Amino acid sequence: MSYGIVFINFAFVLYTIGVWSEKIQGKLKWGHVLLFWLGIVCDIIGTSAMGEIAKKHIQDSILWHYIPISSDFHSLTGTIALSLMLLHTCWATVIIMNSKESWIVKFHRYSLIVWLIWLLPFVSGAIFHVV
C-alpha cells in the first residue's frame, strides 16, 4: 500500500473528526483548529505522493487516453477542495485567536460545506484511480 493512500485517509479521518465534532459541539475550539491543520498536512503529503503514483500509472497504462479526463476532473476538484480547506483552516485560526464569540459559534455552518466539497475529490480519486 502506498503511503499516499495512508496519508489521504489520515486527512479524511482528521478533517472529518474536526468538522463533525465542531458541528456537534456547536462551537469552534482550539482542538478543532488543530485537527484541521493536521488534516491539511496529511492531505498535502498524501496528494504529493498520489501525484507520483498517478504519473507512473499514466505512463504504464494501456488505456492512457481515458485517464486525462478523470485526472483533469480529480485534479481540478482536488485543487479547489484543498484551497478551500486551507482558507477554512486559516479563517478558523484567526477566529479562535481573536476570541470573537459570535464568529466562534457561527463558524460550524461553513465547515460542513467545505468538508462536503472536499469529499468530491476524495471519492473521485477512489473511483477514477482504483478502478
C-alpha atoms as a PDB file:
ATOM      1  CA  MET A   1       0.000   0.000   0.000  1.00  0.00           C
ATOM      2  CA  SER A   2       1.212   3.479  -0.859  1.00  0.00           C
ATOM      3  CA  TYR A   3       1.923   5.910   1.927  1.00  0.00           C
ATOM      4  CA  GLY A   4      -0.033   8.431  -0.181  1.00  0.00           C
ATOM      5  CA  ILE A   5      -3.183   6.393   0.368  1.00  0.00           C
ATOM      6  CA  VAL A   6      -2.435   6.218   4.088  1.00  0.00           C
ATOM      7  CA  PHE A   7      -1.970   9.988   4.382  1.00  0.00           C
ATOM      8  CA  ILE A   8      -5.066  10.788   2.309  1.00  0.00           C
ATOM      9  CA  ASN A   9      -7.074   8.552   4.644  1.00  0.00           C
ATOM     10  CA  PHE A  10      -5.472  10.186   7.709  1.00  0.00           C
ATOM     11  CA  ALA A  11      -6.510  13.544   6.229  1.00  0.00           C
ATOM     12  CA  PHE A  12     -10.050  12.244   5.822  1.00  0.00           C
ATOM     13  CA  VAL A  13     -10.216  10.990   9.412  1.00  0.00           C
ATOM     14  CA  LEU A  14      -8.647  14.089  10.989  1.00  0.00           C
ATOM     15  CA  TYR A  15     -10.618  16.624   8.979  1.00  0.00           C
ATOM     16  CA  THR A  16     -13.868  14.685   9.408  1.00  0.00           C
ATOM     17  CA  ILE A  17     -13.444  14.443  13.178  1.00  0.00           C
ATOM     18  CA  GLY A  18     -12.585  18.152  13.328  1.00  0.00           C
ATOM     19  CA  VAL A  19     -15.582  19.250  11.265  1.00  0.00           C
ATOM     20  CA  TRP A  20     -18.167  16.966  12.828  1.00  0.00           C
ATOM     21  CA  SER A  21     -17.030  17.425  16.420  1.00  0.00           C
ATOM     22  CA  GLU A  22     -17.155  21.199  15.894  1.00  0.00           C
ATOM     23  CA  LYS A  23     -20.646  20.885  14.384  1.00  0.00           C
ATOM     24  CA  ILE A  24     -21.901  18.653  17.213  1.00  0.00           C
ATOM     25  CA  GLN A  25     -20.367  20.871  19.921  1.00  0.00           C
ATOM     26  CA  GLY A  26     -21.688  23.968  18.156  1.00  0.00           C
ATOM     27  CA  LYS A  27     -18.595  25.994  18.917  1.00  0.00           C
ATOM     28  CA  LEU A  28     -15.135  26.238  17.366  1.00  0.00           C
ATOM     29  CA  LYS A  29     -12.328  25.260  19.753  1.00  0.00           C
ATOM     30  CA  TRP A  30      -8.547  25.034  19.529  1.00  0.00           C
ATOM     31  CA  GLY A  31      -8.759  21.240  19.251  1.00  0.00           C
ATOM     32  CA  HIS A  32     -10.826  21.582  16.078  1.00  0.00           C
ATOM     33  CA  VAL A  33      -8.323  24.008  14.589  1.00  0.00           C
ATOM     34  CA  LEU A  34      -5.511  21.566  15.388  1.00  0.00           C
ATOM     35  CA  LEU A  35      -7.401  18.739  13.675  1.00  0.00           C
ATOM     36  CA  PHE A  36      -7.984  20.972  10.620  1.00  0.00           C
ATOM     37  CA  TRP A  37      -4.252  21.782  10.365  1.00  0.00           C
ATOM     38  CA  LEU A  38      -3.231  18.140  10.822  1.00  0.00           C
ATOM     39  CA  GLY A  39      -5.756  17.172   8.145  1.00  0.00           C
ATOM     40  CA  ILE A  40      -4.248  19.695   5.721  1.00  0.00           C
ATOM     41  CA  VAL A  41      -0.701  18.478   6.375  1.00  0.00           C
ATOM     42  CA  CYS A  42      -1.767  14.874   5.779  1.00  0.00           C
ATOM     43  CA  ASP A  43      -3.699  15.904   2.666  1.00  0.00           C
ATOM     44  CA  ILE A  44      -0.687  17.708   1.182  1.00  0.00           C
ATOM     45  CA  ILE A  45       1.647  14.788   1.908  1.00  0.00           C
ATOM     46  CA  GLY A  46      -0.875  12.285   0.554  1.00  0.00           C
ATOM     47  CA  THR A  47      -1.672  14.370  -2.523  1.00  0.00           C
ATOM     48  CA  SER A  48       2.019  14.739  -3.355  1.00  0.00           C
ATOM     49  CA  ALA A  49       2.571  11.008  -3.048  1.00  0.00           C
ATOM     50  CA  MET A  50      -0.555  10.203  -5.041  1.00  0.00           C
ATOM     51  CA  GLY A  51       0.596  12.575  -7.787  1.00  0.00           C
ATOM     52  CA  GLU A  52       3.725  10.465  -8.236  1.00  0.00           C
ATOM     53  CA  ILE A  53       1.621   7.291  -8.390  1.00  0.00           C
ATOM     54  CA  ALA A  54      -0.692   8.878 -10.981  1.00  0.00           C
ATOM     55  CA  LYS A  55       2.250   9.874 -13.201  1.00  0.00           C
ATOM     56  CA  LYS A  56       3.555   6.311 -13.170  1.00  0.00           C
ATOM     57  CA  HIS A  57       0.069   4.886 -13.771  1.00  0.00           C
ATOM     58  CA  ILE A  58      -0.480   7.123 -16.791  1.00  0.00           C
ATOM     59  CA  GLN A  59       2.903   6.173 -18.236  1.00  0.00           C
ATOM     60  CA  ASP A  60       2.292   2.442 -17.738  1.00  0.00           C
ATOM     61  CA  SER A  61      -1.377   2.312 -18.731  1.00  0.00           C
ATOM     62  CA  ILE A  62      -2.571   0.782 -21.980  1.00  0.00           C
ATOM     63  CA  LEU A  63      -5.726   2.875 -21.573  1.00  0.00           C
ATOM     64  CA  TRP A  64      -3.769   6.129 -21.216  1.00  0.00           C
ATOM     65  CA  HIS A  65      -6.195   8.067 -23.421  1.00  0.00           C
ATOM     66  CA  TYR A  66      -9.024   7.637 -20.868  1.00  0.00           C
ATOM     67  CA  ILE A  67      -7.074   8.777 -17.839  1.00  0.00           C
ATOM     68  CA  PRO A  68      -6.649  12.521 -18.611  1.00  0.00           C
ATOM     69  CA  ILE A  69     -10.423  13.048 -18.381  1.00  0.00           C
ATOM     70  CA  SER A  70     -10.658  11.591 -14.899  1.00  0.00           C
ATOM     71  CA  SER A  71      -7.333  13.093 -13.855  1.00  0.00           C
ATOM     72  CA  ASP A  72      -8.405  16.563 -15.005  1.00  0.00           C
ATOM     73  CA  PHE A  73     -11.666  16.343 -13.036  1.00  0.00           C
ATOM     74  CA  HIS A  74      -9.917  14.945  -9.980  1.00  0.00           C
ATOM     75  CA  SER A  75      -7.096  17.487 -10.179  1.00  0.00           C
ATOM     76  CA  LEU A  76      -9.481  20.404 -10.580  1.00  0.00           C
ATOM     77  CA  THR A  77     -11.773  19.377  -7.729  1.00  0.00           C
ATOM     78  CA  GLY A  78      -8.767  18.466  -5.579  1.00  0.00           C
ATOM     79  CA  THR A  79      -7.166  21.864  -6.093  1.00  0.00           C
ATOM     80  CA  ILE A  80     -10.414  23.646  -5.296  1.00  0.00           C
ATOM     81  CA  ALA A  81     -11.046  21.492  -2.231  1.00  0.00           C
ATOM     82  CA  LEU A  82      -7.531  21.829  -0.823  1.00  0.00           C
ATOM     83  CA  SER A  83      -7.637  25.614  -1.382  1.00  0.00           C
ATOM     84  CA  LEU A  84     -10.986  25.863   0.421  1.00  0.00           C
ATOM     85  CA  MET A  85      -9.699  23.625   3.194  1.00  0.00           C
ATOM     86  CA  LEU A  86      -6.654  25.877   3.658  1.00  0.00           C
ATOM     87  CA  LEU A  87      -8.794  29.025   3.607  1.00  0.00           C
ATOM     88  CA  HIS A  88     -11.235  27.425   6.066  1.00  0.00           C
ATOM     89  CA  THR A  89      -8.434  26.465   8.446  1.00  0.00           C
ATOM     90  CA  CYS A  90      -6.707  29.858   8.269  1.00  0.00           C
ATOM     91  CA  TRP A  91     -10.057  31.528   8.914  1.00  0.00           C
ATOM     92  CA  ALA A  92     -10.676  29.202  11.878  1.00  0.00           C
ATOM     93  CA  THR A  93      -7.258  30.105  13.272  1.00  0.00           C
ATOM     94  CA  VAL A  94      -7.943  33.847  13.006  1.00  0.00           C
ATOM     95  CA  ILE A  95     -11.381  33.459  14.575  1.00  0.00           C
ATOM     96  CA  ILE A  96     -10.151  31.414  17.514  1.00  0.00           C
ATOM     97  CA  MET A  97      -7.195  33.759  18.095  1.00  0.00           C
ATOM     98  CA  ASN A  98      -9.485  36.808  18.168  1.00  0.00           C
ATOM     99  CA  SER A  99     -11.921  35.077  20.547  1.00  0.00           C
ATOM    100  CA  LYS A 100     -14.914  36.714  18.906  1.00  0.00           C
ATOM    101  CA  GLU A 101     -17.755  34.668  20.383  1.00  0.00           C
ATOM    102  CA  SER A 102     -20.315  35.359  17.635  1.00  0.00           C
ATOM    103  CA  TRP A 103     -17.891  34.099  14.958  1.00  0.00           C
ATOM    104  CA  ILE A 104     -16.828  31.105  17.064  1.00  0.00           C
ATOM    105  CA  VAL A 105     -20.446  29.958  17.399  1.00  0.00           C
ATOM    106  CA  LYS A 106     -21.388  30.506  13.717  1.00  0.00           C
ATOM    107  CA  PHE A 107     -18.225  29.083  12.163  1.00  0.00           C
ATOM    108  CA  HIS A 108     -19.514  25.483  12.014  1.00  0.00           C
ATOM    109  CA  ARG A 109     -22.034  26.488   9.322  1.00  0.00           C
ATOM    110  CA  TYR A 110     -19.218  26.805   6.806  1.00  0.00           C
ATOM    111  CA  SER A 111     -17.156  23.843   7.958  1.00  0.00           C
ATOM    112  CA  LEU A 112     -19.668  21.296   6.734  1.00  0.00           C
ATOM    113  CA  ILE A 113     -19.829  22.920   3.278  1.00  0.00           C
ATOM    114  CA  VAL A 114     -16.038  22.839   2.909  1.00  0.00           C
ATOM    115  CA  TRP A 115     -15.964  19.228   4.135  1.00  0.00           C
ATOM    116  CA  LEU A 116     -18.615  18.189   1.586  1.00  0.00           C
ATOM    117  CA  ILE A 117     -16.674  19.870  -1.220  1.00  0.00           C
ATOM    118  CA  TRP A 118     -13.512  18.112  -0.005  1.00  0.00           C
ATOM    119  CA  LEU A 119     -15.290  14.757  -0.241  1.00  0.00           C
ATOM    120  CA  LEU A 120     -15.721  15.152  -4.005  1.00  0.00           C
ATOM    121  CA  PRO A 121     -12.026  14.654  -4.907  1.00  0.00           C
ATOM    122  CA  PHE A 122     -11.629  12.123  -2.091  1.00  0.00           C
ATOM    123  CA  VAL A 123     -14.351   9.937  -3.599  1.00  0.00           C
ATOM    124  CA  SER A 124     -13.441  10.664  -7.230  1.00  0.00           C
ATOM    125  CA  GLY A 125      -9.859   9.621  -6.510  1.00  0.00           C
ATOM    126  CA  ALA A 126     -11.068   6.277  -5.264  1.00  0.00           C
ATOM    127  CA  ILE A 127     -13.426   5.830  -8.191  1.00  0.00           C
ATOM    128  CA  PHE A 128     -11.172   7.020 -11.024  1.00  0.00           C
ATOM    129  CA  HIS A 129      -7.813   5.734  -9.840  1.00  0.00           C
ATOM    130  CA  VAL A 130      -8.598   2.468  -8.100  1.00  0.00           C
ATOM    131  CA  VAL A 131     -10.934   1.029 -10.717  1.00  0.00           C
END
